[in-house]
Amino acid sequence: MTLDQIVEEARHWPPEKVGELVGRLTEDLHASDPETEAAWKTEVDRRIEEIQTGKVQGIPVEESLARIRKIAGL
């Protein structure tokens, strides 16, 4: 099958099946080594602890979006 044939076939599939196909195809693109995964988990755990203990405060989403718009010039 050509790529065009695959795409055309997938257009007739239910959205959840297309999503599954995309997920499977991109899985390897986003895979990282176990050492990197462990480092990210450590970082995420640290950030969660900082928020839960009050060491840092979150920023309301409205404020975050306003900052992004300002930076982006929107």
N, C-alpha and C. Protein backbone atom coordinates (compact mmCIF):
# COMPACT_ATOMS: atom_id res chain seq x y z
N MET A 1 0.83 -1.19 0.00
CA MET A 1 0.00 0.00 0.00
C MET A 1 0.88 1.25 0.00
N THR A 2 0.43 2.26 -0.69
CA THR A 2 1.15 3.53 -0.66
C THR A 2 0.68 4.35 0.54
N LEU A 3 1.43 5.36 0.86
CA LEU A 3 1.06 6.25 1.96
C LEU A 3 -0.28 6.91 1.66
N ASP A 4 -0.48 7.35 0.44
CA ASP A 4 -1.76 7.98 0.06
C ASP A 4 -2.93 7.01 0.24
N GLN A 5 -2.72 5.74 -0.09
CA GLN A 5 -3.78 4.75 0.08
C GLN A 5 -4.10 4.54 1.56
N ILE A 6 -3.07 4.52 2.38
CA ILE A 6 -3.27 4.35 3.82
C ILE A 6 -4.06 5.53 4.38
N VAL A 7 -3.66 6.74 4.00
CA VAL A 7 -4.36 7.95 4.47
C VAL A 7 -5.81 7.92 4.02
N GLU A 8 -6.04 7.60 2.77
CA GLU A 8 -7.42 7.55 2.25
C GLU A 8 -8.25 6.51 3.00
N GLU A 9 -7.68 5.37 3.27
CA GLU A 9 -8.38 4.33 4.02
C GLU A 9 -8.71 4.81 5.42
N ALA A 10 -7.74 5.43 6.07
CA ALA A 10 -7.94 5.89 7.45
C ALA A 10 -9.02 6.97 7.54
N ARG A 11 -9.24 7.70 6.49
CA ARG A 11 -10.28 8.75 6.50
C ARG A 11 -11.68 8.16 6.69
N HIS A 12 -11.82 6.89 6.43
CA HIS A 12 -13.12 6.22 6.58
C HIS A 12 -13.28 5.56 7.95
N TRP A 13 -12.27 5.62 8.76
CA TRP A 13 -12.30 5.00 10.07
C TRP A 13 -12.96 5.91 11.09
N PRO A 14 -13.47 5.31 12.18
CA PRO A 14 -13.99 6.14 13.29
C PRO A 14 -12.85 6.92 13.93
N PRO A 15 -13.13 8.11 14.46
CA PRO A 15 -12.08 8.95 15.05
C PRO A 15 -11.23 8.25 16.10
N GLU A 16 -11.84 7.39 16.92
CA GLU A 16 -11.06 6.73 17.97
C GLU A 16 -10.03 5.77 17.38
N LYS A 17 -10.34 5.15 16.24
CA LYS A 17 -9.38 4.26 15.59
C LYS A 17 -8.25 5.06 14.95
N VAL A 18 -8.59 6.21 14.38
CA VAL A 18 -7.56 7.08 13.81
C VAL A 18 -6.62 7.55 14.93
N GLY A 19 -7.20 7.93 16.06
CA GLY A 19 -6.40 8.34 17.20
C GLY A 19 -5.47 7.23 17.67
N GLU A 20 -5.98 6.02 17.70
CA GLU A 20 -5.15 4.88 18.11
C GLU A 20 -3.99 4.68 17.13
N LEU A 21 -4.29 4.78 15.84
CA LEU A 21 -3.25 4.64 14.82
C LEU A 21 -2.17 5.71 14.99
N VAL A 22 -2.59 6.94 15.15
CA VAL A 22 -1.64 8.04 15.33
C VAL A 22 -0.79 7.80 16.58
N GLY A 23 -1.43 7.38 17.65
CA GLY A 23 -0.71 7.09 18.88
C GLY A 23 0.35 6.02 18.70
N ARG A 24 -0.03 4.97 18.02
CA ARG A 24 0.93 3.88 17.80
C ARG A 24 2.09 4.31 16.91
N LEU A 25 1.79 5.10 15.89
CA LEU A 25 2.83 5.54 14.97
C LEU A 25 3.79 6.54 15.61
N THR A 26 3.28 7.35 16.50
CA THR A 26 4.13 8.38 17.11
C THR A 26 4.77 7.93 18.42
N GLU A 27 4.38 6.79 18.91
CA GLU A 27 4.91 6.27 20.17
C GLU A 27 6.43 6.24 20.18
N ASP A 28 7.01 5.72 19.15
CA ASP A 28 8.47 5.60 19.08
C ASP A 28 9.14 6.96 18.94
N LEU A 29 8.47 7.91 18.33
CA LEU A 29 9.05 9.24 18.16
C LEU A 29 9.24 9.94 19.50
N HIS A 30 8.35 9.63 20.44
CA HIS A 30 8.37 10.30 21.73
C HIS A 30 9.00 9.46 22.83
N ALA A 31 9.47 8.30 22.47
CA ALA A 31 10.07 7.42 23.47
C ALA A 31 11.43 7.98 23.89
N SER A 32 11.72 7.82 25.15
CA SER A 32 13.03 8.24 25.63
C SER A 32 13.63 7.12 26.47
N ASP A 33 14.86 7.28 26.77
CA ASP A 33 15.55 6.24 27.51
C ASP A 33 15.10 6.24 28.98
N PRO A 34 15.26 5.12 29.66
CA PRO A 34 14.83 5.01 31.07
C PRO A 34 15.48 6.05 31.98
N GLU A 35 16.72 6.41 31.71
CA GLU A 35 17.40 7.40 32.54
C GLU A 35 16.72 8.76 32.44
N THR A 36 16.33 9.14 31.23
CA THR A 36 15.63 10.41 31.04
C THR A 36 14.26 10.36 31.70
N GLU A 37 13.56 9.27 31.54
CA GLU A 37 12.24 9.11 32.17
C GLU A 37 12.35 9.24 33.69
N ALA A 38 13.36 8.61 34.27
CA ALA A 38 13.56 8.68 35.71
C ALA A 38 13.87 10.10 36.16
N ALA A 39 14.66 10.82 35.37
CA ALA A 39 14.99 12.21 35.71
C ALA A 39 13.75 13.08 35.67
N TRP A 40 12.89 12.87 34.66
CA TRP A 40 11.65 13.65 34.58
C TRP A 40 10.74 13.33 35.75
N LYS A 41 10.65 12.05 36.13
CA LYS A 41 9.80 11.68 37.26
C LYS A 41 10.29 12.36 38.53
N THR A 42 11.60 12.38 38.74
CA THR A 42 12.18 13.04 39.90
C THR A 42 11.82 14.52 39.90
N GLU A 43 11.94 15.15 38.75
CA GLU A 43 11.63 16.58 38.63
C GLU A 43 10.15 16.86 38.89
N VAL A 44 9.29 16.05 38.33
CA VAL A 44 7.84 16.22 38.54
C VAL A 44 7.50 16.03 40.01
N ASP A 45 8.04 15.00 40.62
CA ASP A 45 7.79 14.75 42.05
C ASP A 45 8.26 15.93 42.90
N ARG A 46 9.43 16.50 42.57
CA ARG A 46 9.95 17.65 43.30
C ARG A 46 9.02 18.85 43.19
N ARG A 47 8.55 19.10 41.97
CA ARG A 47 7.66 20.25 41.76
C ARG A 47 6.32 20.07 42.48
N ILE A 48 5.80 18.86 42.47
CA ILE A 48 4.54 18.59 43.18
C ILE A 48 4.73 18.83 44.66
N GLU A 49 5.83 18.33 45.21
CA GLU A 49 6.11 18.53 46.63
C GLU A 49 6.23 20.01 46.98
N GLU A 50 6.90 20.79 46.14
CA GLU A 50 7.03 22.22 46.39
C GLU A 50 5.67 22.92 46.42
N ILE A 51 4.77 22.52 45.56
CA ILE A 51 3.42 23.11 45.55
C ILE A 51 2.65 22.66 46.78
N GLN A 52 2.70 21.36 47.09
CA GLN A 52 1.93 20.83 48.22
C GLN A 52 2.41 21.39 49.56
N THR A 53 3.69 21.67 49.69
CA THR A 53 4.22 22.19 50.96
C THR A 53 4.14 23.71 51.04
N GLY A 54 3.73 24.35 49.95
CA GLY A 54 3.61 25.81 49.95
C GLY A 54 4.91 26.54 49.65
N LYS A 55 5.95 25.80 49.32
CA LYS A 55 7.23 26.43 48.99
C LYS A 55 7.09 27.33 47.75
N VAL A 56 6.29 26.89 46.80
CA VAL A 56 5.98 27.71 45.62
C VAL A 56 4.47 27.75 45.44
N GLN A 57 4.00 28.78 44.76
CA GLN A 57 2.57 28.90 44.48
C GLN A 57 2.34 28.79 42.99
N GLY A 58 1.24 28.18 42.64
CA GLY A 58 0.86 28.10 41.24
C GLY A 58 0.36 29.46 40.75
N ILE A 59 0.27 29.59 39.46
CA ILE A 59 -0.24 30.81 38.85
C ILE A 59 -1.58 30.48 38.22
N PRO A 60 -2.61 31.29 38.48
CA PRO A 60 -3.91 31.02 37.85
C PRO A 60 -3.78 30.99 36.33
N VAL A 61 -4.54 30.13 35.70
CA VAL A 61 -4.44 29.94 34.25
C VAL A 61 -4.68 31.25 33.51
N GLU A 62 -5.60 32.09 34.00
CA GLU A 62 -5.88 33.36 33.32
C GLU A 62 -4.63 34.24 33.29
N GLU A 63 -3.91 34.27 34.40
CA GLU A 63 -2.68 35.06 34.47
C GLU A 63 -1.61 34.47 33.56
N SER A 64 -1.49 33.16 33.56
CA SER A 64 -0.51 32.51 32.69
C SER A 64 -0.79 32.83 31.22
N LEU A 65 -2.05 32.73 30.83
CA LEU A 65 -2.41 33.01 29.45
C LEU A 65 -2.16 34.47 29.09
N ALA A 66 -2.43 35.38 30.03
CA ALA A 66 -2.18 36.80 29.80
C ALA A 66 -0.69 37.03 29.57
N ARG A 67 0.15 36.37 30.35
CA ARG A 67 1.61 36.51 30.19
C ARG A 67 2.04 35.99 28.82
N ILE A 68 1.49 34.86 28.44
CA ILE A 68 1.83 34.27 27.13
C ILE A 68 1.42 35.20 26.00
N ARG A 69 0.21 35.76 26.09
CA ARG A 69 -0.26 36.68 25.05
C ARG A 69 0.65 37.90 24.96
N LYS A 70 1.07 38.41 26.09
CA LYS A 70 1.94 39.58 26.11
C LYS A 70 3.28 39.27 25.46
N ILE A 71 3.86 38.14 25.80
CA ILE A 71 5.14 37.73 25.23
C ILE A 71 5.00 37.52 23.72
N ALA A 72 3.89 36.89 23.31
CA ALA A 72 3.68 36.58 21.90
C ALA A 72 3.19 37.80 21.11
N GLY A 73 2.86 38.88 21.82
CA GLY A 73 2.38 40.08 21.14
C GLY A 73 0.97 39.93 20.61
N LEU A 74 0.16 39.15 21.30
CA LEU A 74 -1.22 38.94 20.87
C LEU A 74 -2.19 39.84 21.58
